[in-house]
């Protein structure tokens, strides 16, 4: 399982936790203060992106000694780049979870987990079945260069 798909559930949890805190009425005290919902959610999202960035970079930094111990000649910068490579999809799924929380707060956790499940299944079966129709798409005459 690729790193981006594996780390995506950890990054959707802030959106699910936000809905849970609101449902349990723990936010009433906080939201009664001069803190708006937008700034509160924005702060949670910034914290989640910062955590995802730290996890991504630390994965690259900590994988580098393991690669070097096995005789692989690779630079630390390349390994940090490889670790940071999973950050864009993780941030995408975090953004989609936040959008679901803004649109349908009660179903946000289900929507977020559903999107990650669909992406995982697409990747799993897409690799097995030839990218779920990508072969058909590229064999069309009107899409190929003459």
N, C-alpha and C. Protein backbone atom coordinates (compact mmCIF):
# COMPACT_ATOMS: atom_id res chain seq x y z
N UNK A 1 0.86 -1.17 0.00
CA UNK A 1 0.00 0.00 0.00
C UNK A 1 0.90 1.23 0.00
N UNK A 2 0.66 2.18 -0.89
CA UNK A 2 1.51 3.36 -0.94
C UNK A 2 1.35 4.22 0.30
N UNK A 3 2.37 4.99 0.55
CA UNK A 3 2.40 5.81 1.76
C UNK A 3 1.25 6.82 1.77
N UNK A 4 0.92 7.41 0.61
CA UNK A 4 -0.12 8.43 0.59
C UNK A 4 -1.48 7.84 0.96
N UNK A 5 -1.76 6.63 0.50
CA UNK A 5 -3.03 6.00 0.84
C UNK A 5 -3.03 5.57 2.30
N UNK A 6 -1.88 5.15 2.81
CA UNK A 6 -1.80 4.69 4.19
C UNK A 6 -1.95 5.85 5.17
N UNK A 7 -1.43 7.02 4.82
CA UNK A 7 -1.47 8.14 5.75
C UNK A 7 -2.75 8.95 5.63
N UNK A 8 -3.54 8.73 4.61
CA UNK A 8 -4.75 9.53 4.41
C UNK A 8 -5.75 9.37 5.55
N UNK A 9 -6.00 8.16 6.11
CA UNK A 9 -6.95 8.09 7.21
C UNK A 9 -6.53 8.91 8.42
N UNK A 10 -5.23 8.99 8.68
CA UNK A 10 -4.77 9.79 9.81
C UNK A 10 -5.06 11.26 9.60
N UNK A 11 -5.10 11.69 8.35
CA UNK A 11 -5.30 13.11 8.08
C UNK A 11 -6.77 13.48 7.97
N UNK A 12 -7.65 12.51 7.80
CA UNK A 12 -9.06 12.80 7.77
C UNK A 12 -9.62 12.88 9.18
N UNK A 13 -8.91 12.34 10.13
CA UNK A 13 -9.42 12.32 11.49
C UNK A 13 -9.74 13.69 12.05
N UNK A 14 -8.99 14.75 11.72
CA UNK A 14 -9.39 16.06 12.25
C UNK A 14 -10.80 16.47 11.83
N UNK A 15 -11.20 16.15 10.60
CA UNK A 15 -12.55 16.49 10.17
C UNK A 15 -13.58 15.66 10.91
N UNK A 16 -13.30 14.37 11.10
CA UNK A 16 -14.22 13.51 11.84
C UNK A 16 -14.25 13.91 13.31
N UNK A 17 -13.10 14.26 13.86
CA UNK A 17 -13.04 14.68 15.26
C UNK A 17 -13.78 16.00 15.45
N UNK A 18 -13.70 16.87 14.45
CA UNK A 18 -14.41 18.15 14.54
C UNK A 18 -15.91 17.91 14.63
N UNK A 19 -16.42 17.00 13.83
CA UNK A 19 -17.85 16.69 13.87
C UNK A 19 -18.20 16.03 15.20
N UNK A 20 -17.34 15.16 15.70
CA UNK A 20 -17.60 14.48 16.97
C UNK A 20 -17.64 15.47 18.13
N UNK A 21 -16.70 16.41 18.14
CA UNK A 21 -16.69 17.42 19.20
C UNK A 21 -17.94 18.28 19.15
N UNK A 22 -18.40 18.57 17.94
CA UNK A 22 -19.60 19.38 17.82
C UNK A 22 -20.83 18.59 18.24
N UNK A 23 -20.88 17.30 17.89
CA UNK A 23 -22.03 16.46 18.25
C UNK A 23 -22.09 16.23 19.75
N UNK A 24 -20.95 16.11 20.41
CA UNK A 24 -20.90 15.89 21.85
C UNK A 24 -21.08 17.19 22.65
N UNK A 25 -21.27 18.28 21.96
CA UNK A 25 -21.49 19.61 22.54
C UNK A 25 -20.32 20.09 23.38
N UNK A 26 -19.13 19.65 23.02
CA UNK A 26 -17.93 20.16 23.69
C UNK A 26 -17.49 21.48 23.09
N UNK A 27 -18.00 21.81 21.93
CA UNK A 27 -17.60 23.05 21.28
C UNK A 27 -18.41 24.25 21.74
N UNK A 28 -19.46 24.01 22.47
CA UNK A 28 -20.31 25.12 22.87
C UNK A 28 -19.54 26.17 23.66
N UNK A 29 -18.72 25.72 24.57
CA UNK A 29 -17.94 26.67 25.38
C UNK A 29 -16.94 27.41 24.51
N UNK A 30 -16.27 26.68 23.65
CA UNK A 30 -15.27 27.31 22.78
C UNK A 30 -15.93 28.27 21.79
N UNK A 31 -17.02 27.83 21.18
CA UNK A 31 -17.66 28.67 20.18
C UNK A 31 -18.45 29.82 20.82
N UNK A 32 -18.68 29.78 22.12
CA UNK A 32 -19.31 30.90 22.81
C UNK A 32 -18.32 32.04 22.98
N UNK A 33 -17.04 31.70 22.97
CA UNK A 33 -16.00 32.72 23.03
C UNK A 33 -15.88 33.41 21.68
N UNK A 34 -15.11 34.48 21.60
CA UNK A 34 -15.00 35.17 20.31
C UNK A 34 -14.12 34.41 19.31
N UNK A 35 -14.41 33.13 19.11
CA UNK A 35 -13.72 32.30 18.12
C UNK A 35 -14.77 31.84 17.13
N UNK A 36 -14.60 32.22 15.87
CA UNK A 36 -15.56 31.82 14.86
C UNK A 36 -15.32 30.40 14.39
N UNK A 37 -16.34 29.83 13.78
CA UNK A 37 -16.23 28.47 13.26
C UNK A 37 -15.16 28.37 12.18
N UNK A 38 -15.07 29.39 11.34
CA UNK A 38 -14.07 29.36 10.26
C UNK A 38 -12.66 29.37 10.82
N UNK A 39 -12.39 30.22 11.78
CA UNK A 39 -11.03 30.28 12.33
C UNK A 39 -10.72 29.01 13.12
N UNK A 40 -11.72 28.46 13.81
CA UNK A 40 -11.51 27.21 14.53
C UNK A 40 -11.18 26.06 13.58
N UNK A 41 -11.98 25.92 12.52
CA UNK A 41 -11.74 24.86 11.54
C UNK A 41 -10.43 25.11 10.80
N UNK A 42 -10.15 26.36 10.47
CA UNK A 42 -8.89 26.69 9.81
C UNK A 42 -7.69 26.33 10.66
N UNK A 43 -7.78 26.58 11.95
CA UNK A 43 -6.69 26.21 12.86
C UNK A 43 -6.48 24.71 12.91
N UNK A 44 -7.56 23.95 12.92
CA UNK A 44 -7.45 22.48 12.91
C UNK A 44 -6.83 22.00 11.61
N UNK A 45 -7.21 22.63 10.50
CA UNK A 45 -6.66 22.21 9.20
C UNK A 45 -5.18 22.55 9.10
N UNK A 46 -4.79 23.71 9.59
CA UNK A 46 -3.37 24.09 9.58
C UNK A 46 -2.57 23.11 10.43
N UNK A 47 -3.10 22.75 11.58
CA UNK A 47 -2.43 21.79 12.45
C UNK A 47 -2.31 20.42 11.76
N UNK A 48 -3.35 19.99 11.06
CA UNK A 48 -3.32 18.71 10.36
C UNK A 48 -2.30 18.73 9.22
N UNK A 49 -2.23 19.83 8.48
CA UNK A 49 -1.24 19.93 7.38
C UNK A 49 0.17 19.96 7.95
N UNK A 50 0.36 20.66 9.06
CA UNK A 50 1.68 20.68 9.69
C UNK A 50 2.08 19.28 10.17
N UNK A 51 1.14 18.55 10.74
CA UNK A 51 1.43 17.19 11.18
C UNK A 51 1.74 16.29 10.00
N UNK A 52 0.99 16.43 8.91
CA UNK A 52 1.25 15.62 7.71
C UNK A 52 2.62 15.94 7.14
N UNK A 53 3.00 17.21 7.15
CA UNK A 53 4.32 17.60 6.66
C UNK A 53 5.42 17.01 7.52
N UNK A 54 5.24 17.06 8.82
CA UNK A 54 6.25 16.50 9.73
C UNK A 54 6.37 15.00 9.55
N UNK A 55 5.26 14.31 9.39
CA UNK A 55 5.28 12.86 9.18
C UNK A 55 5.97 12.53 7.87
N UNK A 56 5.65 13.28 6.81
CA UNK A 56 6.24 13.02 5.50
C UNK A 56 7.75 13.22 5.51
N UNK A 57 8.17 14.34 6.06
CA UNK A 57 9.61 14.63 6.09
C UNK A 57 10.34 13.64 6.99
N UNK A 58 9.76 13.32 8.15
CA UNK A 58 10.43 12.38 9.04
C UNK A 58 10.49 10.98 8.43
N UNK A 59 9.50 10.61 7.63
CA UNK A 59 9.56 9.31 6.95
C UNK A 59 10.75 9.26 6.01
N UNK A 60 10.98 10.33 5.27
CA UNK A 60 12.14 10.38 4.38
C UNK A 60 13.46 10.39 5.13
N UNK A 61 13.51 11.18 6.20
CA UNK A 61 14.75 11.27 6.98
C UNK A 61 15.07 9.94 7.66
N UNK A 62 14.07 9.29 8.20
CA UNK A 62 14.30 8.03 8.91
C UNK A 62 14.51 6.85 7.97
N UNK A 63 14.02 6.93 6.74
CA UNK A 63 14.25 5.85 5.77
C UNK A 63 15.65 5.93 5.17
N UNK A 64 16.25 7.11 5.21
CA UNK A 64 17.58 7.28 4.61
C UNK A 64 18.65 6.41 5.27
N UNK A 65 18.76 6.36 6.60
CA UNK A 65 19.78 5.47 7.18
C UNK A 65 19.54 4.00 6.86
N UNK A 66 18.28 3.61 6.78
CA UNK A 66 17.97 2.23 6.41
C UNK A 66 18.41 1.91 5.00
N UNK A 67 18.20 2.84 4.08
CA UNK A 67 18.65 2.63 2.70
C UNK A 67 20.17 2.60 2.63
N UNK A 68 20.81 3.50 3.36
CA UNK A 68 22.28 3.53 3.36
C UNK A 68 22.87 2.26 3.98
N UNK A 69 22.22 1.73 5.00
CA UNK A 69 22.74 0.52 5.64
C UNK A 69 22.66 -0.70 4.72
N UNK A 70 21.80 -0.64 3.73
CA UNK A 70 21.67 -1.73 2.78
C UNK A 70 22.51 -1.52 1.53
N UNK A 71 23.34 -0.48 1.54
CA UNK A 71 24.25 -0.24 0.43
C UNK A 71 23.66 0.57 -0.71
N UNK A 72 22.52 1.18 -0.51
CA UNK A 72 21.90 2.00 -1.56
C UNK A 72 22.53 3.38 -1.49
N UNK A 73 23.02 3.84 -2.63
CA UNK A 73 23.63 5.17 -2.68
C UNK A 73 22.56 6.18 -3.07
N UNK A 74 22.00 6.83 -2.08
CA UNK A 74 20.93 7.81 -2.31
C UNK A 74 21.15 8.97 -1.34
N UNK A 75 20.87 10.17 -1.82
CA UNK A 75 21.11 11.35 -0.99
C UNK A 75 19.95 11.56 -0.02
N UNK A 76 20.24 12.28 1.04
CA UNK A 76 19.21 12.61 2.03
C UNK A 76 18.12 13.48 1.41
N UNK A 77 18.52 14.41 0.55
CA UNK A 77 17.53 15.29 -0.10
C UNK A 77 16.56 14.49 -0.97
N UNK A 78 17.06 13.46 -1.64
CA UNK A 78 16.18 12.61 -2.46
C UNK A 78 15.20 11.85 -1.58
N UNK A 79 15.65 11.37 -0.44
CA UNK A 79 14.76 10.64 0.46
C UNK A 79 13.73 11.57 1.10
N UNK A 80 14.13 12.78 1.42
CA UNK A 80 13.16 13.75 1.95
C UNK A 80 12.12 14.06 0.88
N UNK A 81 12.57 14.21 -0.36
CA UNK A 81 11.63 14.43 -1.46
C UNK A 81 10.68 13.26 -1.65
N UNK A 82 11.20 12.05 -1.49
CA UNK A 82 10.35 10.87 -1.60
C UNK A 82 9.33 10.83 -0.47
N UNK A 83 9.73 11.21 0.72
CA UNK A 83 8.79 11.26 1.84
C UNK A 83 7.73 12.34 1.64
N UNK A 84 8.17 13.48 1.12
CA UNK A 84 7.23 14.59 0.88
C UNK A 84 6.32 14.32 -0.31
N UNK A 85 6.63 13.30 -1.08
CA UNK A 85 5.82 12.97 -2.25
C UNK A 85 4.40 12.55 -1.86
N UNK A 86 4.21 12.04 -0.66
CA UNK A 86 2.87 11.62 -0.24
C UNK A 86 2.06 12.78 0.34
N UNK A 87 2.66 13.94 0.47
CA UNK A 87 1.96 15.07 1.07
C UNK A 87 0.82 15.62 0.19
N UNK A 88 0.99 15.81 -1.12
CA UNK A 88 -0.13 16.35 -1.91
C UNK A 88 -1.41 15.51 -1.87
N UNK A 89 -1.35 14.17 -2.03
CA UNK A 89 -2.62 13.44 -1.92
C UNK A 89 -3.21 13.49 -0.51
N UNK A 90 -2.35 13.52 0.50
CA UNK A 90 -2.86 13.60 1.87
C UNK A 90 -3.58 14.93 2.11
N UNK A 91 -3.01 16.01 1.60
CA UNK A 91 -3.64 17.32 1.73
C UNK A 91 -4.92 17.39 0.90
N UNK A 92 -4.92 16.73 -0.27
CA UNK A 92 -6.13 16.69 -1.09
C UNK A 92 -7.27 16.02 -0.32
N UNK A 93 -7.01 14.86 0.28
CA UNK A 93 -8.06 14.18 1.02
C UNK A 93 -8.46 14.94 2.27
N UNK A 94 -7.54 15.64 2.89
CA UNK A 94 -7.88 16.49 4.02
C UNK A 94 -8.81 17.62 3.57
N UNK A 95 -8.50 18.21 2.43
CA UNK A 95 -9.35 19.27 1.89
C UNK A 95 -10.74 18.76 1.53
N UNK A 96 -10.80 17.57 0.94
CA UNK A 96 -12.11 17.00 0.60
C UNK A 96 -12.90 16.68 1.87
N UNK A 97 -12.21 16.22 2.91
CA UNK A 97 -12.90 15.97 4.18
C UNK A 97 -13.41 17.27 4.80
N UNK A 98 -12.62 18.34 4.70
CA UNK A 98 -13.07 19.63 5.22
C UNK A 98 -14.25 20.16 4.42
N UNK A 99 -14.21 19.95 3.11
CA UNK A 99 -15.34 20.37 2.26
C UNK A 99 -16.59 19.59 2.63
N UNK A 100 -16.45 18.29 2.87
CA UNK A 100 -17.60 17.48 3.28
C UNK A 100 -18.12 17.95 4.64
N UNK A 101 -17.20 18.32 5.54
CA UNK A 101 -17.62 18.82 6.85
C UNK A 101 -18.39 20.13 6.72
N UNK A 102 -17.97 20.97 5.79
CA UNK A 102 -18.66 22.24 5.58
C UNK A 102 -20.02 22.03 4.92
N UNK A 103 -20.12 21.06 4.03
CA UNK A 103 -21.36 20.85 3.27
C UNK A 103 -22.36 19.99 4.04
N UNK A 104 -21.91 18.85 4.54
CA UNK A 104 -22.79 17.91 5.24
C UNK A 104 -22.09 17.43 6.51
N UNK A 105 -22.15 18.20 7.60
CA UNK A 105 -21.37 17.88 8.79
C UNK A 105 -21.66 16.50 9.39
N UNK A 106 -22.90 16.06 9.36
CA UNK A 106 -23.23 14.78 9.98
C UNK A 106 -22.63 13.60 9.22
N UNK A 107 -22.51 13.72 7.92
CA UNK A 107 -22.01 12.62 7.10
C UNK A 107 -20.54 12.81 6.70
N UNK A 108 -19.87 13.81 7.25
CA UNK A 108 -18.52 14.16 6.81
C UNK A 108 -17.53 13.02 7.01
N UNK A 109 -17.58 12.36 8.15
CA UNK A 109 -16.63 11.27 8.40
C UNK A 109 -16.85 10.12 7.42
N UNK A 110 -18.10 9.78 7.18
CA UNK A 110 -18.41 8.71 6.22
C UNK A 110 -17.97 9.06 4.80
N UNK A 111 -18.20 10.31 4.41
CA UNK A 111 -17.78 10.76 3.09
C UNK A 111 -16.26 10.70 2.97
N UNK A 112 -15.56 11.18 3.99
CA UNK A 112 -14.10 11.20 3.95
C UNK A 112 -13.52 9.79 3.88
N UNK A 113 -14.01 8.90 4.75
CA UNK A 113 -13.52 7.52 4.72
C UNK A 113 -13.93 6.83 3.42
N UNK A 114 -15.10 7.14 2.91
CA UNK A 114 -15.54 6.57 1.64
C UNK A 114 -14.65 6.98 0.48
N UNK A 115 -14.23 8.25 0.46
CA UNK A 115 -13.34 8.71 -0.60
C UNK A 115 -11.99 8.00 -0.56
N UNK A 116 -11.47 7.80 0.63
CA UNK A 116 -10.19 7.10 0.76
C UNK A 116 -10.36 5.63 0.37
N UNK A 117 -11.47 5.02 0.75
CA UNK A 117 -11.71 3.62 0.38
C UNK A 117 -11.82 3.47 -1.13
N UNK A 118 -12.52 4.40 -1.79
CA UNK A 118 -12.63 4.35 -3.25
C UNK A 118 -11.27 4.53 -3.89
N UNK A 119 -10.48 5.46 -3.39
CA UNK A 119 -9.15 5.68 -3.96
C UNK A 119 -8.27 4.44 -3.78
N UNK A 120 -8.35 3.81 -2.61
CA UNK A 120 -7.57 2.60 -2.37
C UNK A 120 -8.00 1.48 -3.29
N UNK A 121 -9.31 1.27 -3.41
CA UNK A 121 -9.80 0.20 -4.29
C UNK A 121 -9.48 0.49 -5.75
N UNK A 122 -9.58 1.75 -6.14
CA UNK A 122 -9.23 2.13 -7.51
C UNK A 122 -7.77 1.79 -7.79
N UNK A 123 -6.91 2.12 -6.86
CA UNK A 123 -5.48 1.83 -7.03
C UNK A 123 -5.22 0.33 -7.05
N UNK A 124 -5.86 -0.39 -6.14
CA UNK A 124 -5.65 -1.83 -6.05
C UNK A 124 -6.12 -2.54 -7.31
N UNK A 125 -7.38 -2.33 -7.67
CA UNK A 125 -7.92 -3.03 -8.83
C UNK A 125 -7.49 -2.39 -10.14
N UNK A 126 -7.16 -1.11 -10.11
CA UNK A 126 -6.65 -0.46 -11.32
C UNK A 126 -5.33 -1.06 -11.75
N UNK A 127 -4.48 -1.36 -10.79
CA UNK A 127 -3.20 -1.99 -11.13
C UNK A 127 -3.43 -3.40 -11.66
N UNK A 128 -4.41 -4.09 -11.12
CA UNK A 128 -4.69 -5.45 -11.56
C UNK A 128 -5.38 -5.50 -12.91
N UNK A 129 -6.26 -4.55 -13.17
CA UNK A 129 -7.08 -4.59 -14.38
C UNK A 129 -6.63 -3.62 -15.47
N UNK A 130 -5.47 -3.07 -15.34
CA UNK A 130 -4.98 -2.15 -16.37
C UNK A 130 -5.55 -0.76 -16.23
N UNK A 131 -5.54 -0.22 -15.05
CA UNK A 131 -5.96 1.15 -14.74
C UNK A 131 -7.41 1.41 -15.07
N UNK A 132 -8.25 0.42 -14.87
CA UNK A 132 -9.71 0.57 -15.01
C UNK A 132 -10.14 1.29 -16.28
N UNK A 133 -9.72 0.77 -17.39
CA UNK A 133 -10.16 1.31 -18.66
C UNK A 133 -9.18 2.24 -19.33
N UNK A 134 -8.01 2.45 -18.72
CA UNK A 134 -7.04 3.35 -19.35
C UNK A 134 -6.56 2.79 -20.68
N UNK A 135 -6.50 1.48 -20.81
CA UNK A 135 -6.09 0.88 -22.08
C UNK A 135 -7.12 1.23 -23.15
N UNK A 136 -8.41 1.10 -22.82
CA UNK A 136 -9.46 1.45 -23.76
C UNK A 136 -9.38 2.92 -24.15
N UNK A 137 -9.09 3.77 -23.18
CA UNK A 137 -9.03 5.20 -23.43
C UNK A 137 -7.90 5.54 -24.40
N UNK A 138 -6.74 4.93 -24.21
CA UNK A 138 -5.60 5.25 -25.04
C UNK A 138 -5.64 4.56 -26.40
N UNK A 139 -6.51 3.59 -26.59
CA UNK A 139 -6.62 2.93 -27.88
C UNK A 139 -7.64 3.62 -28.79
N UNK A 140 -8.32 4.61 -28.31
CA UNK A 140 -9.29 5.33 -29.15
C UNK A 140 -8.57 6.10 -30.22
N UNK A 141 -9.08 6.08 -31.40
CA UNK A 141 -8.43 6.72 -32.54
C UNK A 141 -8.46 8.24 -32.44
N UNK A 142 -9.55 8.80 -31.95
CA UNK A 142 -9.64 10.26 -31.92
C UNK A 142 -8.73 10.89 -30.87
N UNK A 143 -8.18 10.11 -29.94
CA UNK A 143 -7.30 10.65 -28.93
C UNK A 143 -5.81 10.46 -29.27
N UNK A 144 -5.52 9.63 -30.24
CA UNK A 144 -4.12 9.38 -30.58
C UNK A 144 -3.66 10.34 -31.66
N UNK A 145 -2.39 10.66 -31.63
CA UNK A 145 -1.83 11.57 -32.64
C UNK A 145 -1.69 10.84 -33.96
N UNK A 146 -1.98 11.53 -35.04
CA UNK A 146 -1.89 10.92 -36.38
C UNK A 146 -0.51 11.04 -36.93
